[in-house]
Amino acid sequence: MDALREPRPAGSPAVCNALANSLKNYATQTSRESVLEAVANIVLTDLAHAPGLDQTAERLHMTSRTLHRALQREGWTFNAIVEIQRRYVARDLLSNSELTVSEVAERLGYREVSNFSRAFRRWYGVSPGARS
């Protein structure tokens, strides 16, 4: 936006206005978070309740199919986003807190600790108890 405040040499006012409008539009478009970022943020803030694709799409005011396609264009699936968020949060919670494996599993939305343990072993090659 500082570029918009710089003095310009005399020229066509129409060209100057068009350039200023283009720069404003570009700044607005690039400042919005992408669908991928929006989904990752929704998932991260509500991991304990494990929002599904349908609920996430609804929160983004789109259909599930539209959300699926938007993520696909960026090379992602909804489940992959959920899994990667769970993976990194699990590692952080087990390394940097006094939470038990059971408490971490619950915070990540796992109904069964055994499912969390299996996922953790797949991610890191060790059990969550060995990692903490």
N, C-alpha and C. Protein backbone atom coordinates (compact mmCIF):
# COMPACT_ATOMS: atom_id res chain seq x y z
N MET A 1 0.81 -1.19 0.00
CA MET A 1 0.00 0.00 0.00
C MET A 1 0.86 1.26 0.00
N ASP A 2 2.12 1.16 0.46
CA ASP A 2 2.98 2.33 0.44
C ASP A 2 3.22 2.81 -0.98
N ALA A 3 3.22 1.87 -1.93
CA ALA A 3 3.42 2.24 -3.33
C ALA A 3 2.32 3.16 -3.81
N LEU A 4 1.14 3.02 -3.24
CA LEU A 4 0.03 3.88 -3.65
C LEU A 4 0.21 5.31 -3.16
N ARG A 5 1.02 5.49 -2.14
CA ARG A 5 1.21 6.84 -1.58
C ARG A 5 2.38 7.58 -2.24
N GLU A 6 3.18 6.88 -3.01
CA GLU A 6 4.33 7.50 -3.68
C GLU A 6 3.84 8.47 -4.75
N PRO A 7 4.47 9.63 -4.84
CA PRO A 7 4.08 10.57 -5.90
C PRO A 7 4.42 9.99 -7.28
N ARG A 8 3.56 10.24 -8.19
CA ARG A 8 3.75 9.75 -9.57
C ARG A 8 3.97 10.95 -10.48
N PRO A 9 4.77 10.72 -11.51
CA PRO A 9 4.93 11.82 -12.48
C PRO A 9 3.60 12.08 -13.18
N ALA A 10 3.49 13.28 -13.68
CA ALA A 10 2.26 13.64 -14.38
C ALA A 10 2.00 12.65 -15.51
N GLY A 11 0.79 12.28 -15.66
CA GLY A 11 0.41 11.33 -16.68
C GLY A 11 -1.10 11.31 -16.77
N SER A 12 -1.58 10.35 -17.45
CA SER A 12 -3.02 10.23 -17.63
C SER A 12 -3.68 9.88 -16.29
N PRO A 13 -4.63 10.68 -15.86
CA PRO A 13 -5.34 10.38 -14.61
C PRO A 13 -6.06 9.03 -14.70
N ALA A 14 -6.56 8.69 -15.87
CA ALA A 14 -7.27 7.42 -16.05
C ALA A 14 -6.32 6.24 -15.84
N VAL A 15 -5.11 6.35 -16.36
CA VAL A 15 -4.13 5.28 -16.20
C VAL A 15 -3.72 5.18 -14.73
N CYS A 16 -3.51 6.31 -14.09
CA CYS A 16 -3.14 6.32 -12.67
C CYS A 16 -4.24 5.69 -11.82
N ASN A 17 -5.48 6.04 -12.09
CA ASN A 17 -6.61 5.46 -11.34
C ASN A 17 -6.72 3.97 -11.59
N ALA A 18 -6.54 3.56 -12.84
CA ALA A 18 -6.62 2.13 -13.17
C ALA A 18 -5.52 1.36 -12.45
N LEU A 19 -4.32 1.91 -12.43
CA LEU A 19 -3.20 1.26 -11.75
C LEU A 19 -3.47 1.18 -10.24
N ALA A 20 -3.93 2.26 -9.67
CA ALA A 20 -4.23 2.27 -8.23
C ALA A 20 -5.30 1.24 -7.90
N ASN A 21 -6.34 1.17 -8.70
CA ASN A 21 -7.41 0.19 -8.47
C ASN A 21 -6.90 -1.24 -8.62
N SER A 22 -6.06 -1.46 -9.61
CA SER A 22 -5.49 -2.80 -9.80
C SER A 22 -4.64 -3.22 -8.61
N LEU A 23 -3.84 -2.30 -8.11
CA LEU A 23 -3.01 -2.61 -6.95
C LEU A 23 -3.85 -2.88 -5.70
N LYS A 24 -4.91 -2.11 -5.52
CA LYS A 24 -5.81 -2.35 -4.38
C LYS A 24 -6.48 -3.72 -4.50
N ASN A 25 -6.96 -4.05 -5.70
CA ASN A 25 -7.60 -5.35 -5.91
C ASN A 25 -6.62 -6.49 -5.66
N TYR A 26 -5.40 -6.34 -6.14
CA TYR A 26 -4.39 -7.37 -5.94
C TYR A 26 -4.10 -7.54 -4.45
N ALA A 27 -3.96 -6.44 -3.74
CA ALA A 27 -3.69 -6.51 -2.30
C ALA A 27 -4.83 -7.19 -1.56
N THR A 28 -6.05 -6.90 -1.94
CA THR A 28 -7.22 -7.52 -1.32
C THR A 28 -7.25 -9.02 -1.59
N GLN A 29 -7.00 -9.42 -2.82
CA GLN A 29 -7.04 -10.83 -3.20
C GLN A 29 -5.94 -11.63 -2.51
N THR A 30 -4.77 -11.07 -2.39
CA THR A 30 -3.66 -11.82 -1.82
C THR A 30 -3.66 -11.80 -0.30
N SER A 31 -4.45 -10.94 0.32
CA SER A 31 -4.49 -10.90 1.77
C SER A 31 -5.50 -11.90 2.34
N ARG A 32 -6.39 -12.42 1.52
CA ARG A 32 -7.35 -13.42 1.98
C ARG A 32 -6.66 -14.76 2.14
N GLU A 33 -7.10 -15.52 3.15
CA GLU A 33 -6.51 -16.84 3.31
C GLU A 33 -7.08 -17.78 2.26
N SER A 34 -6.28 -18.71 1.84
CA SER A 34 -6.71 -19.69 0.85
C SER A 34 -7.69 -20.67 1.49
N VAL A 35 -8.35 -21.45 0.67
CA VAL A 35 -9.26 -22.48 1.18
C VAL A 35 -8.47 -23.46 2.04
N LEU A 36 -7.29 -23.83 1.60
CA LEU A 36 -6.45 -24.74 2.36
C LEU A 36 -6.15 -24.17 3.75
N GLU A 37 -5.76 -22.90 3.81
CA GLU A 37 -5.47 -22.26 5.09
C GLU A 37 -6.71 -22.19 5.97
N ALA A 38 -7.85 -21.87 5.37
CA ALA A 38 -9.09 -21.78 6.13
C ALA A 38 -9.46 -23.13 6.72
N VAL A 39 -9.37 -24.18 5.93
CA VAL A 39 -9.69 -25.53 6.42
C VAL A 39 -8.71 -25.93 7.52
N ALA A 40 -7.43 -25.70 7.30
CA ALA A 40 -6.43 -26.06 8.31
C ALA A 40 -6.70 -25.33 9.63
N ASN A 41 -7.09 -24.07 9.56
CA ASN A 41 -7.39 -23.31 10.78
C ASN A 41 -8.63 -23.84 11.48
N ILE A 42 -9.66 -24.16 10.72
CA ILE A 42 -10.89 -24.71 11.32
C ILE A 42 -10.58 -26.03 12.00
N VAL A 43 -9.88 -26.89 11.31
CA VAL A 43 -9.54 -28.21 11.86
C VAL A 43 -8.69 -28.04 13.12
N LEU A 44 -7.69 -27.19 13.06
CA LEU A 44 -6.77 -27.01 14.18
C LEU A 44 -7.49 -26.47 15.41
N THR A 45 -8.41 -25.56 15.23
CA THR A 45 -9.09 -24.96 16.38
C THR A 45 -10.13 -25.89 16.99
N ASP A 46 -10.50 -26.94 16.28
CA ASP A 46 -11.56 -27.82 16.80
C ASP A 46 -11.18 -29.29 16.68
N LEU A 47 -9.92 -29.63 16.89
CA LEU A 47 -9.48 -31.01 16.76
C LEU A 47 -10.22 -31.96 17.70
N ALA A 48 -10.54 -31.51 18.90
CA ALA A 48 -11.20 -32.38 19.88
C ALA A 48 -12.56 -32.86 19.39
N HIS A 49 -13.22 -32.05 18.59
CA HIS A 49 -14.54 -32.42 18.08
C HIS A 49 -14.49 -32.95 16.66
N ALA A 50 -13.29 -33.01 16.11
CA ALA A 50 -13.04 -33.57 14.78
C ALA A 50 -14.13 -33.18 13.77
N PRO A 51 -14.17 -31.90 13.37
CA PRO A 51 -15.17 -31.50 12.39
C PRO A 51 -14.97 -32.24 11.08
N GLY A 52 -16.06 -32.65 10.48
CA GLY A 52 -15.99 -33.38 9.22
C GLY A 52 -15.99 -32.44 8.04
N LEU A 53 -15.89 -33.03 6.88
CA LEU A 53 -15.89 -32.25 5.64
C LEU A 53 -17.17 -31.44 5.50
N ASP A 54 -18.31 -32.05 5.79
CA ASP A 54 -19.59 -31.36 5.65
C ASP A 54 -19.69 -30.15 6.57
N GLN A 55 -19.31 -30.32 7.83
CA GLN A 55 -19.38 -29.22 8.79
C GLN A 55 -18.40 -28.11 8.41
N THR A 56 -17.23 -28.49 7.96
CA THR A 56 -16.23 -27.49 7.57
C THR A 56 -16.70 -26.72 6.35
N ALA A 57 -17.25 -27.42 5.37
CA ALA A 57 -17.78 -26.76 4.18
C ALA A 57 -18.88 -25.77 4.56
N GLU A 58 -19.74 -26.18 5.47
CA GLU A 58 -20.83 -25.31 5.92
C GLU A 58 -20.28 -24.05 6.56
N ARG A 59 -19.25 -24.21 7.39
CA ARG A 59 -18.64 -23.03 8.03
C ARG A 59 -18.00 -22.10 7.02
N LEU A 60 -17.57 -22.65 5.88
CA LEU A 60 -16.96 -21.82 4.83
C LEU A 60 -17.99 -21.37 3.79
N HIS A 61 -19.25 -21.67 4.05
CA HIS A 61 -20.35 -21.27 3.17
C HIS A 61 -20.20 -21.82 1.76
N MET A 62 -19.92 -23.12 1.70
CA MET A 62 -19.83 -23.79 0.41
C MET A 62 -20.33 -25.22 0.56
N THR A 63 -20.54 -25.87 -0.55
CA THR A 63 -20.96 -27.27 -0.49
C THR A 63 -19.74 -28.15 -0.24
N SER A 64 -20.02 -29.36 0.22
CA SER A 64 -18.93 -30.31 0.45
C SER A 64 -18.17 -30.60 -0.83
N ARG A 65 -18.90 -30.72 -1.92
CA ARG A 65 -18.27 -31.02 -3.21
C ARG A 65 -17.37 -29.87 -3.66
N THR A 66 -17.82 -28.65 -3.46
CA THR A 66 -17.01 -27.48 -3.83
C THR A 66 -15.74 -27.43 -2.99
N LEU A 67 -15.88 -27.70 -1.70
CA LEU A 67 -14.70 -27.72 -0.83
C LEU A 67 -13.75 -28.83 -1.25
N HIS A 68 -14.30 -30.00 -1.53
CA HIS A 68 -13.47 -31.12 -1.97
C HIS A 68 -12.68 -30.75 -3.22
N ARG A 69 -13.34 -30.14 -4.19
CA ARG A 69 -12.66 -29.74 -5.44
C ARG A 69 -11.60 -28.68 -5.19
N ALA A 70 -11.90 -27.72 -4.32
CA ALA A 70 -10.95 -26.65 -4.04
C ALA A 70 -9.69 -27.22 -3.40
N LEU A 71 -9.86 -28.14 -2.47
CA LEU A 71 -8.70 -28.77 -1.85
C LEU A 71 -7.94 -29.63 -2.84
N GLN A 72 -8.68 -30.32 -3.68
CA GLN A 72 -8.05 -31.18 -4.71
C GLN A 72 -7.18 -30.34 -5.65
N ARG A 73 -7.64 -29.15 -6.02
CA ARG A 73 -6.85 -28.27 -6.89
C ARG A 73 -5.52 -27.89 -6.24
N GLU A 74 -5.51 -27.83 -4.90
CA GLU A 74 -4.29 -27.48 -4.19
C GLU A 74 -3.48 -28.72 -3.80
N GLY A 75 -3.95 -29.90 -4.23
CA GLY A 75 -3.21 -31.13 -3.99
C GLY A 75 -3.45 -31.75 -2.63
N TRP A 76 -4.57 -31.44 -2.00
CA TRP A 76 -4.87 -31.93 -0.67
C TRP A 76 -6.22 -32.63 -0.62
N THR A 77 -6.40 -33.45 0.42
CA THR A 77 -7.72 -33.97 0.76
C THR A 77 -8.03 -33.49 2.17
N PHE A 78 -9.30 -33.49 2.51
CA PHE A 78 -9.70 -33.06 3.84
C PHE A 78 -9.07 -33.96 4.90
N ASN A 79 -9.12 -35.26 4.67
CA ASN A 79 -8.57 -36.20 5.64
C ASN A 79 -7.06 -36.01 5.84
N ALA A 80 -6.35 -35.67 4.78
CA ALA A 80 -4.91 -35.43 4.90
C ALA A 80 -4.64 -34.20 5.78
N ILE A 81 -5.46 -33.19 5.65
CA ILE A 81 -5.30 -31.99 6.48
C ILE A 81 -5.54 -32.33 7.94
N VAL A 82 -6.61 -33.07 8.21
CA VAL A 82 -6.90 -33.48 9.60
C VAL A 82 -5.74 -34.29 10.16
N GLU A 83 -5.26 -35.23 9.38
CA GLU A 83 -4.19 -36.10 9.87
C GLU A 83 -2.91 -35.33 10.15
N ILE A 84 -2.55 -34.42 9.27
CA ILE A 84 -1.29 -33.69 9.50
C ILE A 84 -1.42 -32.75 10.70
N GLN A 85 -2.59 -32.17 10.91
CA GLN A 85 -2.80 -31.32 12.09
C GLN A 85 -2.68 -32.17 13.35
N ARG A 86 -3.35 -33.33 13.34
CA ARG A 86 -3.28 -34.22 14.50
C ARG A 86 -1.83 -34.66 14.76
N ARG A 87 -1.14 -34.97 13.70
CA ARG A 87 0.24 -35.47 13.83
C ARG A 87 1.13 -34.47 14.56
N TYR A 88 1.12 -33.23 14.12
CA TYR A 88 2.02 -32.24 14.70
C TYR A 88 1.56 -31.80 16.08
N VAL A 89 0.26 -31.71 16.29
CA VAL A 89 -0.23 -31.34 17.62
C VAL A 89 0.08 -32.46 18.61
N ALA A 90 -0.07 -33.71 18.19
CA ALA A 90 0.24 -34.85 19.07
C ALA A 90 1.68 -34.79 19.52
N ARG A 91 2.58 -34.58 18.58
CA ARG A 91 4.01 -34.51 18.92
C ARG A 91 4.27 -33.37 19.91
N ASP A 92 3.69 -32.21 19.64
CA ASP A 92 3.91 -31.07 20.52
C ASP A 92 3.34 -31.30 21.91
N LEU A 93 2.13 -31.84 21.99
CA LEU A 93 1.52 -32.06 23.30
C LEU A 93 2.29 -33.10 24.11
N LEU A 94 2.73 -34.15 23.47
CA LEU A 94 3.45 -35.18 24.20
C LEU A 94 4.85 -34.73 24.61
N SER A 95 5.45 -33.87 23.81
CA SER A 95 6.81 -33.40 24.11
C SER A 95 6.83 -32.23 25.09
N ASN A 96 5.80 -31.40 25.03
CA ASN A 96 5.85 -30.13 25.77
C ASN A 96 4.78 -29.96 26.82
N SER A 97 4.18 -31.05 27.27
CA SER A 97 3.15 -30.92 28.29
C SER A 97 3.20 -32.13 29.21
N GLU A 98 2.44 -32.05 30.26
CA GLU A 98 2.35 -33.14 31.23
C GLU A 98 1.13 -34.02 30.96
N LEU A 99 0.51 -33.87 29.78
CA LEU A 99 -0.69 -34.65 29.46
C LEU A 99 -0.35 -36.11 29.26
N THR A 100 -1.28 -36.97 29.63
CA THR A 100 -1.10 -38.40 29.38
C THR A 100 -1.44 -38.70 27.93
N VAL A 101 -1.09 -39.89 27.50
CA VAL A 101 -1.41 -40.31 26.14
C VAL A 101 -2.92 -40.29 25.94
N SER A 102 -3.65 -40.71 26.94
CA SER A 102 -5.11 -40.73 26.87
C SER A 102 -5.67 -39.31 26.71
N GLU A 103 -5.13 -38.35 27.46
CA GLU A 103 -5.59 -36.97 27.38
C GLU A 103 -5.27 -36.36 26.00
N VAL A 104 -4.10 -36.67 25.47
CA VAL A 104 -3.73 -36.18 24.15
C VAL A 104 -4.67 -36.77 23.10
N ALA A 105 -4.93 -38.06 23.18
CA ALA A 105 -5.84 -38.70 22.24
C ALA A 105 -7.20 -38.03 22.26
N GLU A 106 -7.68 -37.72 23.45
CA GLU A 106 -8.99 -37.06 23.60
C GLU A 106 -8.96 -35.66 22.98
N ARG A 107 -7.91 -34.92 23.22
CA ARG A 107 -7.80 -33.56 22.66
C ARG A 107 -7.73 -33.56 21.13
N LEU A 108 -7.26 -34.66 20.58
CA LEU A 108 -7.14 -34.76 19.13
C LEU A 108 -8.37 -35.37 18.48
N GLY A 109 -9.37 -35.69 19.28
CA GLY A 109 -10.61 -36.19 18.72
C GLY A 109 -10.68 -37.69 18.52
N TYR A 110 -9.75 -38.42 19.11
CA TYR A 110 -9.79 -39.88 19.01
C TYR A 110 -10.72 -40.42 20.10
N ARG A 111 -11.63 -41.28 19.72
CA ARG A 111 -12.54 -41.89 20.69
C ARG A 111 -11.86 -43.02 21.45
N GLU A 112 -10.92 -43.66 20.80
CA GLU A 112 -10.20 -44.78 21.40
C GLU A 112 -8.70 -44.47 21.41
N VAL A 113 -8.08 -44.67 22.57
CA VAL A 113 -6.64 -44.45 22.69
C VAL A 113 -5.88 -45.37 21.76
N SER A 114 -6.40 -46.57 21.55
CA SER A 114 -5.70 -47.52 20.67
C SER A 114 -5.62 -46.99 19.24
N ASN A 115 -6.65 -46.29 18.79
CA ASN A 115 -6.60 -45.70 17.44
C ASN A 115 -5.55 -44.60 17.37
N PHE A 116 -5.46 -43.81 18.41
CA PHE A 116 -4.43 -42.77 18.46
C PHE A 116 -3.04 -43.40 18.47
N SER A 117 -2.86 -44.43 19.29
CA SER A 117 -1.55 -45.09 19.39
C SER A 117 -1.14 -45.68 18.05
N ARG A 118 -2.08 -46.28 17.36
CA ARG A 118 -1.78 -46.86 16.04
C ARG A 118 -1.38 -45.76 15.06
N ALA A 119 -2.11 -44.66 15.06
CA ALA A 119 -1.78 -43.54 14.17
C ALA A 119 -0.41 -42.98 14.52
N PHE A 120 -0.12 -42.82 15.80
CA PHE A 120 1.16 -42.26 16.22
C PHE A 120 2.32 -43.15 15.78
N ARG A 121 2.14 -44.46 15.92
CA ARG A 121 3.18 -45.39 15.46
C ARG A 121 3.38 -45.28 13.95
N ARG A 122 2.31 -45.08 13.21
CA ARG A 122 2.42 -44.92 11.75
C ARG A 122 3.19 -43.63 11.42
N TRP A 123 2.92 -42.57 12.15
CA TRP A 123 3.57 -41.28 11.90
C TRP A 123 5.04 -41.28 12.28
N TYR A 124 5.36 -41.81 13.45
CA TYR A 124 6.70 -41.63 13.99
C TYR A 124 7.49 -42.92 14.21
N GLY A 125 6.83 -44.07 14.03
CA GLY A 125 7.54 -45.34 14.17
C GLY A 125 7.75 -45.81 15.59
N VAL A 126 7.20 -45.08 16.55
CA VAL A 126 7.27 -45.47 17.97
C VAL A 126 5.90 -45.24 18.61
N SER A 127 5.70 -45.86 19.76
CA SER A 127 4.43 -45.64 20.47
C SER A 127 4.44 -44.26 21.11
N PRO A 128 3.27 -43.69 21.35
CA PRO A 128 3.24 -42.35 21.96
C PRO A 128 3.87 -42.33 23.34
N GLY A 129 3.79 -43.41 24.08
CA GLY A 129 4.42 -43.45 25.41
C GLY A 129 5.93 -43.35 25.34
N ALA A 130 6.51 -43.92 24.31
CA ALA A 130 7.97 -43.88 24.13
C ALA A 130 8.43 -42.49 23.70
N ARG A 131 7.55 -41.75 23.07
CA ARG A 131 7.87 -40.44 22.52
C ARG A 131 7.85 -39.35 23.59
N SER A 132 7.02 -39.50 24.61
CA SER A 132 6.83 -38.43 25.58
C SER A 132 7.95 -38.31 26.59
